[in-house]
């Protein structure tokens, strides 16, 4: 099921804590399973940033803008879903003694500052694990194995492969935790609901349950496309400018950060194209991300599917031809 797409759509979503947010022509719709068992649906009729400012809707540029906008709004919805899905008792238990002391003695402003610091530290740790660590490991490989042979020009390729390996291991370990596994079940429900809609079938639990959970427009596929494009571009740069392989590691990492917007823009355009086409290039570049979804998505239960359906219904219009929604 899910192969013969009837509704070409750019509706996308994100799994949350006990919920799903769908981004569609009617706006962003968040559905959350409440502590009493009901499903709370909240629709934000916002205008996408790529539609709000014409310059941000230009190909390549729109990918960067959409990614940043998605990250910011995604974090907001994640926090909202966590707050909605927890009982007052759970919120109280979740608040540590240190959190209570800081709130009571220093107020919400201090908590906001601490939250900002935590975010910065999180970004720094992610940078260290996924950007610097692969470079460091491949440098050690060059030093003790490759040395000064021509294989040193293959550094970007080896580094990219190492980054992919680290990412897969990280996601696998994270998926073993109980709370994340449940989020991945909502991720599966998001994909299956969208596939059901794209196939022109009524949005029922029975129909959604039959759909596959691996979707080419998934954020997981986007990450792998970014990794592959990054490998191709950096490898090409080293072949064109051989001296790049000799620059210091901090400069090398900075250079990779500098080309990241370009890589993101290209990746975004490919994901949009992949969602509406099926050919050998799309299948080749999508294959790693689709395989990775075996980790990042889990078959959902019927109650989780219900949440996905409610979010999708609220995000779409009566007109299925929403191809122009970016």
C-alpha atoms as a PDB file:
ATOM      1  CA  UNK A   1       0.000   0.000   0.000  1.00  0.00           C
ATOM      2  CA  UNK A   2       1.035   3.608  -0.354  1.00  0.00           C
ATOM      3  CA  UNK A   3       2.846   3.217  -3.705  1.00  0.00           C
ATOM      4  CA  UNK A   4       0.339   4.752  -6.156  1.00  0.00           C
ATOM      5  CA  UNK A   5       0.111   8.311  -4.943  1.00  0.00           C
ATOM      6  CA  UNK A   6      -3.172   9.971  -5.953  1.00  0.00           C
ATOM      7  CA  UNK A   7      -2.927  13.203  -3.968  1.00  0.00           C
ATOM      8  CA  UNK A   8       0.388  14.934  -4.590  1.00  0.00           C
ATOM      9  CA  UNK A   9       0.788  16.809  -1.351  1.00  0.00           C
ATOM     10  CA  UNK A  10       3.410  18.639   0.650  1.00  0.00           C
ATOM     11  CA  UNK A  11       1.692  18.021   3.982  1.00  0.00           C
ATOM     12  CA  UNK A  12       4.329  17.120   6.546  1.00  0.00           C
ATOM     13  CA  UNK A  13       4.406  16.437  10.238  1.00  0.00           C
ATOM     14  CA  UNK A  14       6.376  15.896  13.393  1.00  0.00           C
ATOM     15  CA  UNK A  15       5.973  13.446  16.232  1.00  0.00           C
ATOM     16  CA  UNK A  16       5.566  15.025  19.657  1.00  0.00           C
ATOM     17  CA  UNK A  17       5.133  13.898  23.249  1.00  0.00           C
ATOM     18  CA  UNK A  18       1.846  11.946  23.066  1.00  0.00           C
ATOM     19  CA  UNK A  19       0.923  13.856  19.932  1.00  0.00           C
ATOM     20  CA  UNK A  20       1.566  14.898  16.355  1.00  0.00           C
ATOM     21  CA  UNK A  21       1.716  18.249  14.574  1.00  0.00           C
ATOM     22  CA  UNK A  22       0.785  18.315  10.887  1.00  0.00           C
ATOM     23  CA  UNK A  23       1.726  21.198   8.610  1.00  0.00           C
ATOM     24  CA  UNK A  24      -0.771  21.641   5.791  1.00  0.00           C
ATOM     25  CA  UNK A  25      -2.786  24.150   3.751  1.00  0.00           C
ATOM     26  CA  UNK A  26      -5.096  24.922   6.689  1.00  0.00           C
ATOM     27  CA  UNK A  27      -2.134  25.712   8.957  1.00  0.00           C
ATOM     28  CA  UNK A  28      -0.249  23.814  11.628  1.00  0.00           C
ATOM     29  CA  UNK A  29      -2.526  21.396  13.469  1.00  0.00           C
ATOM     30  CA  UNK A  30      -1.395  19.806  16.723  1.00  0.00           C
ATOM     31  CA  UNK A  31      -3.293  16.845  18.169  1.00  0.00           C
ATOM     32  CA  UNK A  32      -2.377  15.577  21.639  1.00  0.00           C
ATOM     33  CA  UNK A  33      -3.739  12.671  23.655  1.00  0.00           C
ATOM     34  CA  UNK A  34      -4.798  14.245  26.948  1.00  0.00           C
ATOM     35  CA  UNK A  35      -4.493  12.588  30.380  1.00  0.00           C
ATOM     36  CA  UNK A  36      -8.277  11.936  30.420  1.00  0.00           C
ATOM     37  CA  UNK A  37      -8.055  10.027  27.110  1.00  0.00           C
ATOM     38  CA  UNK A  38      -9.539  12.749  24.901  1.00  0.00           C
ATOM     39  CA  UNK A  39      -7.711  14.237  21.905  1.00  0.00           C
ATOM     40  CA  UNK A  40      -7.009  17.958  22.057  1.00  0.00           C
ATOM     41  CA  UNK A  41      -6.649  19.623  18.628  1.00  0.00           C
ATOM     42  CA  UNK A  42      -5.133  23.069  18.214  1.00  0.00           C
ATOM     43  CA  UNK A  43      -4.811  24.769  14.819  1.00  0.00           C
ATOM     44  CA  UNK A  44      -2.410  27.619  14.170  1.00  0.00           C
ATOM     45  CA  UNK A  45      -3.428  29.409  10.957  1.00  0.00           C
ATOM     46  CA  UNK A  46       0.019  30.810  10.399  1.00  0.00           C
ATOM     47  CA  UNK A  47       1.545  31.818   7.079  1.00  0.00           C
ATOM     48  CA  UNK A  48       4.756  29.911   6.272  1.00  0.00           C
ATOM     49  CA  UNK A  49       7.801  32.160   6.413  1.00  0.00           C
ATOM     50  CA  UNK A  50       8.600  31.231   2.807  1.00  0.00           C
ATOM     51  CA  UNK A  51       5.206  32.673   1.807  1.00  0.00           C
ATOM     52  CA  UNK A  52       5.420  35.693   4.098  1.00  0.00           C
ATOM     53  CA  UNK A  53       8.646  37.017   2.575  1.00  0.00           C
ATOM     54  CA  UNK A  54       9.043  36.572  -1.181  1.00  0.00           C
ATOM     55  CA  UNK A  55      12.844  36.384  -1.078  1.00  0.00           C
ATOM     56  CA  UNK A  56      12.643  33.423   1.303  1.00  0.00           C
ATOM     57  CA  UNK A  57      10.549  31.494  -1.215  1.00  0.00           C
ATOM     58  CA  UNK A  58      13.332  31.369  -3.805  1.00  0.00           C
ATOM     59  CA  UNK A  59      14.670  27.844  -4.499  1.00  0.00           C
ATOM     60  CA  UNK A  60      17.700  26.943  -2.306  1.00  0.00           C
ATOM     61  CA  UNK A  61      16.992  29.902  -0.013  1.00  0.00           C
ATOM     62  CA  UNK A  62      13.555  28.531   0.884  1.00  0.00           C
ATOM     63  CA  UNK A  63      15.135  25.323   2.137  1.00  0.00           C
ATOM     64  CA  UNK A  64      17.248  27.153   4.710  1.00  0.00           C
ATOM     65  CA  UNK A  65      14.328  29.354   5.795  1.00  0.00           C
ATOM     66  CA  UNK A  66      11.908  26.427   6.022  1.00  0.00           C
ATOM     67  CA  UNK A  67      14.396  24.362   8.038  1.00  0.00           C
ATOM     68  CA  UNK A  68      15.001  27.117  10.597  1.00  0.00           C
ATOM     69  CA  UNK A  69      11.266  27.871  10.809  1.00  0.00           C
ATOM     70  CA  UNK A  70      10.528  24.168  11.293  1.00  0.00           C
ATOM     71  CA  UNK A  71      13.134  23.842  14.052  1.00  0.00           C
ATOM     72  CA  UNK A  72      11.785  26.841  15.978  1.00  0.00           C
ATOM     73  CA  UNK A  73       8.114  25.891  15.648  1.00  0.00           C
ATOM     74  CA  UNK A  74       8.897  22.218  16.235  1.00  0.00           C
ATOM     75  CA  UNK A  75      10.483  22.986  19.592  1.00  0.00           C
ATOM     76  CA  UNK A  76       7.478  25.126  20.535  1.00  0.00           C
ATOM     77  CA  UNK A  77       5.021  22.342  19.710  1.00  0.00           C
ATOM     78  CA  UNK A  78       7.162  19.775  21.508  1.00  0.00           C
ATOM     79  CA  UNK A  79       7.036  21.800  24.709  1.00  0.00           C
ATOM     80  CA  UNK A  80       3.285  22.390  24.305  1.00  0.00           C
ATOM     81  CA  UNK A  81       2.576  18.707  23.807  1.00  0.00           C
ATOM     82  CA  UNK A  82       4.597  17.768  26.872  1.00  0.00           C
ATOM     83  CA  UNK A  83       2.657  20.270  28.967  1.00  0.00           C
ATOM     84  CA  UNK A  84      -0.759  19.175  27.643  1.00  0.00           C
ATOM     85  CA  UNK A  85      -0.176  15.429  27.954  1.00  0.00           C
ATOM     86  CA  UNK A  86       1.054  15.462  31.563  1.00  0.00           C
ATOM     87  CA  UNK A  87      -1.141  15.480  34.644  1.00  0.00           C
ATOM     88  CA  UNK A  88      -0.498  18.041  37.374  1.00  0.00           C
ATOM     89  CA  UNK A  89       0.945  15.258  39.533  1.00  0.00           C
ATOM     90  CA  UNK A  90       3.365  14.247  36.765  1.00  0.00           C
ATOM     91  CA  UNK A  91       4.421  17.862  36.255  1.00  0.00           C
ATOM     92  CA  UNK A  92       5.099  18.173  39.961  1.00  0.00           C
ATOM     93  CA  UNK A  93       7.142  14.978  39.987  1.00  0.00           C
ATOM     94  CA  UNK A  94       9.028  16.055  36.880  1.00  0.00           C
ATOM     95  CA  UNK A  95      10.116  19.281  38.573  1.00  0.00           C
ATOM     96  CA  UNK A  96      13.341  18.548  40.434  1.00  0.00           C
ATOM     97  CA  UNK A  97      14.228  20.026  43.817  1.00  0.00           C
ATOM     98  CA  UNK A  98      16.764  22.292  42.120  1.00  0.00           C
ATOM     99  CA  UNK A  99      14.112  23.489  39.625  1.00  0.00           C
ATOM    100  CA  UNK A 100      11.716  24.285  42.480  1.00  0.00           C
ATOM    101  CA  UNK A 101      14.388  26.149  44.427  1.00  0.00           C
ATOM    102  CA  UNK A 102      15.402  28.209  41.379  1.00  0.00           C
ATOM    103  CA  UNK A 103      11.770  29.005  40.536  1.00  0.00           C
ATOM    104  CA  UNK A 104      10.903  29.978  44.108  1.00  0.00           C
ATOM    105  CA  UNK A 105      14.012  32.081  44.768  1.00  0.00           C
ATOM    106  CA  UNK A 106      14.942  33.511  41.367  1.00  0.00           C
ATOM    107  CA  UNK A 107      11.703  33.485  39.393  1.00  0.00           C
ATOM    108  CA  UNK A 108      10.772  32.476  35.843  1.00  0.00           C
ATOM    109  CA  UNK A 109      13.389  34.790  34.303  1.00  0.00           C
ATOM    110  CA  UNK A 110      16.233  32.770  35.779  1.00  0.00           C
ATOM    111  CA  UNK A 111      14.623  29.542  34.566  1.00  0.00           C
ATOM    112  CA  UNK A 112      14.467  31.032  31.069  1.00  0.00           C
ATOM    113  CA  UNK A 113      18.180  31.887  31.251  1.00  0.00           C
ATOM    114  CA  UNK A 114      18.996  28.355  32.412  1.00  0.00           C
ATOM    115  CA  UNK A 115      16.858  26.962  29.586  1.00  0.00           C
ATOM    116  CA  UNK A 116      18.789  29.071  27.062  1.00  0.00           C
ATOM    117  CA  UNK A 117      22.115  27.890  28.499  1.00  0.00           C
ATOM    118  CA  UNK A 118      20.924  24.274  28.284  1.00  0.00           C
ATOM    119  CA  UNK A 119      20.000  24.787  24.637  1.00  0.00           C
ATOM    120  CA  UNK A 120      23.421  26.236  23.837  1.00  0.00           C
ATOM    121  CA  UNK A 121      25.123  23.342  25.611  1.00  0.00           C
ATOM    122  CA  UNK A 122      22.938  20.888  23.701  1.00  0.00           C
ATOM    123  CA  UNK A 123      23.936  22.457  20.381  1.00  0.00           C
ATOM    124  CA  UNK A 124      27.610  22.414  21.425  1.00  0.00           C
ATOM    125  CA  UNK A 125      27.434  18.724  22.356  1.00  0.00           C
ATOM    126  CA  UNK A 126      25.687  17.887  19.062  1.00  0.00           C
ATOM    127  CA  UNK A 127      28.368  19.865  17.186  1.00  0.00           C
ATOM    128  CA  UNK A 128      31.099  17.950  18.999  1.00  0.00           C
ATOM    129  CA  UNK A 129      29.543  14.535  18.337  1.00  0.00           C
ATOM    130  CA  UNK A 130      28.396  14.959  14.743  1.00  0.00           C
ATOM    131  CA  UNK A 131      30.825  17.543  13.339  1.00  0.00           C
ATOM    132  CA  UNK A 132      34.136  17.451  15.189  1.00  0.00           C
ATOM    133  CA  UNK A 133      34.307  13.815  16.353  1.00  0.00           C
ATOM    134  CA  UNK A 134      34.154  12.319  12.818  1.00  0.00           C
ATOM    135  CA  UNK A 135      36.903  14.714  11.717  1.00  0.00           C
ATOM    136  CA  UNK A 136      39.037  13.785  14.714  1.00  0.00           C
ATOM    137  CA  UNK A 137      38.605  10.048  14.169  1.00  0.00           C
ATOM    138  CA  UNK A 138      39.448  10.255  10.468  1.00  0.00           C
ATOM    139  CA  UNK A 139      42.482  12.437  11.277  1.00  0.00           C
ATOM    140  CA  UNK A 140      43.743   9.680  13.572  1.00  0.00           C
ATOM    141  CA  UNK A 141      43.073   7.161  10.810  1.00  0.00           C
ATOM    142  CA  UNK A 142      45.066   9.337   8.386  1.00  0.00           C
ATOM    143  CA  UNK A 143      47.906   9.669  10.890  1.00  0.00           C
ATOM    144  CA  UNK A 144      48.359   5.989  11.691  1.00  0.00           C
ATOM    145  CA  UNK A 145      47.096   4.233   8.544  1.00  0.00           C
ATOM    146  CA  UNK A 146      46.935   6.457   5.472  1.00  0.00           C
ATOM    147  CA  UNK A 147      49.826   8.798   6.339  1.00  0.00           C
ATOM    148  CA  UNK A 148      50.893  10.746   3.217  1.00  0.00           C
ATOM    149  CA  UNK A 149      49.413   8.502   0.533  1.00  0.00           C
ATOM    150  CA  UNK A 150      46.954   9.673  -2.094  1.00  0.00           C
ATOM    151  CA  UNK A 151      44.164   8.253   0.053  1.00  0.00           C
ATOM    152  CA  UNK A 152      44.381  11.431   2.131  1.00  0.00           C
ATOM    153  CA  UNK A 153      42.317  13.058  -0.645  1.00  0.00           C
ATOM    154  CA  UNK A 154      39.535  10.675   0.341  1.00  0.00           C
ATOM    155  CA  UNK A 155      39.298  12.330   3.762  1.00  0.00           C
ATOM    156  CA  UNK A 156      35.849  13.904   3.079  1.00  0.00           C
ATOM    157  CA  UNK A 157      34.460  10.521   2.001  1.00  0.00           C
ATOM    158  CA  UNK A 158      35.830   8.709   5.061  1.00  0.00           C
ATOM    159  CA  UNK A 159      34.653  11.526   7.312  1.00  0.00           C
ATOM    160  CA  UNK A 160      31.165  11.424   5.834  1.00  0.00           C
ATOM    161  CA  UNK A 161      30.949   7.663   6.283  1.00  0.00           C
ATOM    162  CA  UNK A 162      32.113   8.010   9.888  1.00  0.00           C
ATOM    163  CA  UNK A 163      29.488  10.714  10.520  1.00  0.00           C
ATOM    164  CA  UNK A 164      26.775   8.426   9.166  1.00  0.00           C
ATOM    165  CA  UNK A 165      27.970   5.545  11.353  1.00  0.00           C
ATOM    166  CA  UNK A 166      27.967   7.751  14.467  1.00  0.00           C
ATOM    167  CA  UNK A 167      24.484   9.071  13.632  1.00  0.00           C
ATOM    168  CA  UNK A 168      23.057   5.565  13.127  1.00  0.00           C
ATOM    169  CA  UNK A 169      24.574   4.293  16.382  1.00  0.00           C
ATOM    170  CA  UNK A 170      23.276   7.336  18.265  1.00  0.00           C
ATOM    171  CA  UNK A 171      19.738   6.952  16.915  1.00  0.00           C
ATOM    172  CA  UNK A 172      19.730   3.217  17.639  1.00  0.00           C
ATOM    173  CA  UNK A 173      20.764   3.766  21.261  1.00  0.00           C
ATOM    174  CA  UNK A 174      18.203   6.551  21.708  1.00  0.00           C
ATOM    175  CA  UNK A 175      15.454   4.362  20.234  1.00  0.00           C
ATOM    176  CA  UNK A 176      15.980   1.812  23.000  1.00  0.00           C
ATOM    177  CA  UNK A 177      14.546   4.149  25.630  1.00  0.00           C
ATOM    178  CA  UNK A 178      10.860   3.680  26.472  1.00  0.00           C
ATOM    179  CA  UNK A 179       9.809   7.321  26.082  1.00  0.00           C
ATOM    180  CA  UNK A 180      11.535   7.767  22.707  1.00  0.00           C
ATOM    181  CA  UNK A 181      10.094   4.491  21.410  1.00  0.00           C
ATOM    182  CA  UNK A 182       6.617   5.886  22.048  1.00  0.00           C
ATOM    183  CA  UNK A 183       7.507   9.093  20.175  1.00  0.00           C
ATOM    184  CA  UNK A 184       8.664   6.896  17.290  1.00  0.00           C
ATOM    185  CA  UNK A 185       5.238   5.200  17.339  1.00  0.00           C
ATOM    186  CA  UNK A 186       3.657   8.620  16.807  1.00  0.00           C
ATOM    187  CA  UNK A 187       6.211   9.169  14.037  1.00  0.00           C
ATOM    188  CA  UNK A 188       4.944   5.984  12.380  1.00  0.00           C
ATOM    189  CA  UNK A 189       1.328   7.137  12.737  1.00  0.00           C
ATOM    190  CA  UNK A 190       2.240  10.473  11.120  1.00  0.00           C
ATOM    191  CA  UNK A 191       3.664   8.744   8.032  1.00  0.00           C
ATOM    192  CA  UNK A 192       0.872   6.204   7.726  1.00  0.00           C
ATOM    193  CA  UNK A 193      -1.817   8.903   8.008  1.00  0.00           C
ATOM    194  CA  UNK A 194      -0.183  10.998   5.286  1.00  0.00           C
ATOM    195  CA  UNK A 195       0.157   7.958   3.019  1.00  0.00           C
ATOM    196  CA  UNK A 196      -3.540   7.180   3.525  1.00  0.00           C
ATOM    197  CA  UNK A 197      -4.462  10.727   2.477  1.00  0.00           C
ATOM    198  CA  UNK A 198      -2.084  10.646  -0.504  1.00  0.00           C
ATOM    199  CA  UNK A 199      -3.726   7.424  -1.692  1.00  0.00           C
ATOM    200  CA  UNK A 200      -7.125   9.109  -1.671  1.00  0.00           C
ATOM    201  CA  UNK A 201      -8.579   6.822   0.989  1.00  0.00           C
ATOM    202  CA  UNK A 202     -10.907   7.890   3.818  1.00  0.00           C
ATOM    203  CA  UNK A 203      -8.955   8.713   6.966  1.00  0.00           C
ATOM    204  CA  UNK A 204     -10.037   5.802   9.146  1.00  0.00           C
ATOM    205  CA  UNK A 205      -8.022   3.730  11.600  1.00  0.00           C
ATOM    206  CA  UNK A 206      -8.528   0.645   9.418  1.00  0.00           C
ATOM    207  CA  UNK A 207      -7.204   2.359   6.272  1.00  0.00           C
ATOM    208  CA  UNK A 208      -4.296   4.054   8.014  1.00  0.00           C
ATOM    209  CA  UNK A 209      -3.259   0.824   9.701  1.00  0.00           C
ATOM    210  CA  UNK A 210      -2.688  -0.788   6.260  1.00  0.00           C
ATOM    211  CA  UNK A 211      -0.267   1.907   5.093  1.00  0.00           C
ATOM    212  CA  UNK A 212       3.503   1.592   5.257  1.00  0.00           C
ATOM    213  CA  UNK A 213       5.398   3.730   7.737  1.00  0.00           C
ATOM    214  CA  UNK A 214       8.404   4.694   5.577  1.00  0.00           C
ATOM    215  CA  UNK A 215       7.971   8.028   3.761  1.00  0.00           C
ATOM    216  CA  UNK A 216      10.483   9.696   1.370  1.00  0.00           C
ATOM    217  CA  UNK A 217       9.749  13.223   2.711  1.00  0.00           C
ATOM    218  CA  UNK A 218      10.607  12.284   6.287  1.00  0.00           C
ATOM    219  CA  UNK A 219      13.060  14.391   8.278  1.00  0.00           C
ATOM    220  CA  UNK A 220      15.184  11.262   8.712  1.00  0.00           C
ATOM    221  CA  UNK A 221      15.522  10.986   4.936  1.00  0.00           C
ATOM    222  CA  UNK A 222      16.320  14.711   4.833  1.00  0.00           C
ATOM    223  CA  UNK A 223      19.217  14.228   7.271  1.00  0.00           C
ATOM    224  CA  UNK A 224      20.685  11.420   5.179  1.00  0.00           C
ATOM    225  CA  UNK A 225      20.309  13.443   1.987  1.00  0.00           C
ATOM    226  CA  UNK A 226      22.151  16.297   3.707  1.00  0.00           C
ATOM    227  CA  UNK A 227      24.943  13.918   4.755  1.00  0.00           C
ATOM    228  CA  UNK A 228      25.282  12.482   1.245  1.00  0.00           C
ATOM    229  CA  UNK A 229      25.245  15.900  -0.447  1.00  0.00           C
ATOM    230  CA  UNK A 230      27.810  17.153   2.073  1.00  0.00           C
ATOM    231  CA  UNK A 231      30.102  14.244   1.206  1.00  0.00           C
ATOM    232  CA  UNK A 232      29.751  14.929  -2.524  1.00  0.00           C
ATOM    233  CA  UNK A 233      30.405  18.678  -2.240  1.00  0.00           C
ATOM    234  CA  UNK A 234      33.370  18.459   0.162  1.00  0.00           C
ATOM    235  CA  UNK A 235      34.917  15.630  -1.855  1.00  0.00           C
ATOM    236  CA  UNK A 236      34.581  17.676  -5.040  1.00  0.00           C
ATOM    237  CA  UNK A 237      36.146  20.723  -3.349  1.00  0.00           C
ATOM    238  CA  UNK A 238      39.181  18.700  -2.219  1.00  0.00           C
ATOM    239  CA  UNK A 239      39.632  17.241  -5.706  1.00  0.00           C
ATOM    240  CA  UNK A 240      39.381  20.716  -7.298  1.00  0.00           C
ATOM    241  CA  UNK A 241      41.472  22.423  -4.609  1.00  0.00           C
ATOM    242  CA  UNK A 242      43.901  19.756  -3.241  1.00  0.00           C
ATOM    243  CA  UNK A 243      45.413  22.141  -0.683  1.00  0.00           C
ATOM    244  CA  UNK A 244      42.142  22.072   1.246  1.00  0.00           C
ATOM    245  CA  UNK A 245      43.156  18.652   2.569  1.00  0.00           C
ATOM    246  CA  UNK A 246      46.111  20.309   4.294  1.00  0.00           C
ATOM    247  CA  UNK A 247      44.326  23.100   6.159  1.00  0.00           C
ATOM    248  CA  UNK A 248      43.959  22.969   9.923  1.00  0.00           C
ATOM    249  CA  UNK A 249      41.083  20.973  11.336  1.00  0.00           C
ATOM    250  CA  UNK A 250      39.313  24.006  12.910  1.00  0.00           C
ATOM    251  CA  UNK A 251      39.362  25.748   9.500  1.00  0.00           C
ATOM    252  CA  UNK A 252      38.122  22.571   7.833  1.00  0.00           C
ATOM    253  CA  UNK A 253      35.176  22.347  10.231  1.00  0.00           C
ATOM    254  CA  UNK A 254      34.419  26.057   9.739  1.00  0.00           C
ATOM    255  CA  UNK A 255      34.459  25.551   5.976  1.00  0.00           C
ATOM    256  CA  UNK A 256      31.944  22.719   6.324  1.00  0.00           C
ATOM    257  CA  UNK A 257      29.742  24.958   8.442  1.00  0.00           C
ATOM    258  CA  UNK A 258      30.012  27.692   5.798  1.00  0.00           C
ATOM    259  CA  UNK A 259      28.693  25.412   3.037  1.00  0.00           C
ATOM    260  CA  UNK A 260      25.969  23.931   5.268  1.00  0.00           C
ATOM    261  CA  UNK A 261      23.314  26.456   4.101  1.00  0.00           C
ATOM    262  CA  UNK A 262      23.982  25.470   0.478  1.00  0.00           C
ATOM    263  CA  UNK A 263      23.818  21.773   1.376  1.00  0.00           C
ATOM    264  CA  UNK A 264      20.563  22.325   3.292  1.00  0.00           C
ATOM    265  CA  UNK A 265      19.027  24.223   0.380  1.00  0.00           C
ATOM    266  CA  UNK A 266      19.915  21.493  -2.118  1.00  0.00           C
ATOM    267  CA  UNK A 267      18.679  18.784   0.256  1.00  0.00           C
ATOM    268  CA  UNK A 268      15.344  20.535   0.738  1.00  0.00           C
ATOM    269  CA  UNK A 269      14.771  20.798  -3.008  1.00  0.00           C
ATOM    270  CA  UNK A 270      15.562  17.117  -3.420  1.00  0.00           C
ATOM    271  CA  UNK A 271      13.159  16.056  -0.646  1.00  0.00           C
ATOM    272  CA  UNK A 272      10.366  18.090  -2.256  1.00  0.00           C
ATOM    273  CA  UNK A 273      11.156  16.489  -5.608  1.00  0.00           C
ATOM    274  CA  UNK A 274      11.376  12.994  -4.095  1.00  0.00           C
ATOM    275  CA  UNK A 275       7.917  13.357  -2.581  1.00  0.00           C
ATOM    276  CA  UNK A 276       6.387  13.719  -6.050  1.00  0.00           C
ATOM    277  CA  UNK A 277       8.619  11.599  -8.286  1.00  0.00           C
ATOM    278  CA  UNK A 278       9.921   8.054  -8.464  1.00  0.00           C
ATOM    279  CA  UNK A 279      13.067   7.330 -10.466  1.00  0.00           C
ATOM    280  CA  UNK A 280      16.446   5.667  -9.976  1.00  0.00           C
ATOM    281  CA  UNK A 281      18.169   8.800  -8.596  1.00  0.00           C
ATOM    282  CA  UNK A 282      15.370   9.436  -6.092  1.00  0.00           C
ATOM    283  CA  UNK A 283      15.386   5.800  -5.005  1.00  0.00           C
ATOM    284  CA  UNK A 284      19.193   5.773  -4.613  1.00  0.00           C
ATOM    285  CA  UNK A 285      19.402   8.951  -2.512  1.00  0.00           C
ATOM    286  CA  UNK A 286      16.259   8.108  -0.521  1.00  0.00           C
ATOM    287  CA  UNK A 287      17.280   4.521   0.284  1.00  0.00           C
ATOM    288  CA  UNK A 288      19.497   5.263   3.355  1.00  0.00           C
ATOM    289  CA  UNK A 289      16.854   7.513   4.946  1.00  0.00           C
ATOM    290  CA  UNK A 290      14.061   5.037   4.258  1.00  0.00           C
ATOM    291  CA  UNK A 291      16.152   2.256   5.803  1.00  0.00           C
ATOM    292  CA  UNK A 292      16.894   4.453   8.827  1.00  0.00           C
ATOM    293  CA  UNK A 293      13.155   4.901   9.361  1.00  0.00           C
ATOM    294  CA  UNK A 294      13.138   1.279  10.512  1.00  0.00           C
ATOM    295  CA  UNK A 295      14.706   2.756  13.658  1.00  0.00           C
ATOM    296  CA  UNK A 296      12.983   6.140  13.855  1.00  0.00           C
ATOM    297  CA  UNK A 297       9.445   4.856  13.215  1.00  0.00           C
ATOM    298  CA  UNK A 298       7.567   2.105  15.047  1.00  0.00           C
ATOM    299  CA  UNK A 299       4.220   0.516  14.143  1.00  0.00           C
ATOM    300  CA  UNK A 300       1.607   2.548  16.071  1.00  0.00           C
ATOM    301  CA  UNK A 301      -1.325   1.267  18.075  1.00  0.00           C
ATOM    302  CA  UNK A 302      -4.873   2.257  17.078  1.00  0.00           C
ATOM    303  CA  UNK A 303      -5.125   4.958  19.752  1.00  0.00           C
ATOM    304  CA  UNK A 304      -1.975   6.593  18.400  1.00  0.00           C
ATOM    305  CA  UNK A 305      -3.288   6.332  14.829  1.00  0.00           C
ATOM    306  CA  UNK A 306      -6.404   8.201  15.968  1.00  0.00           C
ATOM    307  CA  UNK A 307      -4.221  11.137  17.034  1.00  0.00           C
ATOM    308  CA  UNK A 308      -2.494  11.188  13.640  1.00  0.00           C
ATOM    309  CA  UNK A 309      -5.842  11.202  11.849  1.00  0.00           C
ATOM    310  CA  UNK A 310      -7.199  14.090  13.918  1.00  0.00           C
ATOM    311  CA  UNK A 311      -4.059  16.166  13.329  1.00  0.00           C
ATOM    312  CA  UNK A 312      -4.133  15.529   9.582  1.00  0.00           C
ATOM    313  CA  UNK A 313      -7.862  16.271   9.245  1.00  0.00           C
ATOM    314  CA  UNK A 314      -7.334  19.630  10.923  1.00  0.00           C
ATOM    315  CA  UNK A 315      -4.325  20.471   8.722  1.00  0.00           C
ATOM    316  CA  UNK A 316      -5.877  19.820   5.308  1.00  0.00           C
ATOM    317  CA  UNK A 317      -8.635  21.545   3.364  1.00  0.00           C
ATOM    318  CA  UNK A 318     -11.511  20.024   1.397  1.00  0.00           C
ATOM    319  CA  UNK A 319      -9.455  20.509  -1.750  1.00  0.00           C
ATOM    320  CA  UNK A 320      -6.881  17.707  -2.053  1.00  0.00           C
ATOM    321  CA  UNK A 321      -4.937  19.516  -4.786  1.00  0.00           C
ATOM    322  CA  UNK A 322      -2.614  21.356  -2.452  1.00  0.00           C
ATOM    323  CA  UNK A 323       0.503  21.070  -4.590  1.00  0.00           C
ATOM    324  CA  UNK A 324       1.168  24.790  -4.312  1.00  0.00           C
ATOM    325  CA  UNK A 325       1.480  24.618  -0.530  1.00  0.00           C
ATOM    326  CA  UNK A 326       5.190  24.956   0.178  1.00  0.00           C
END
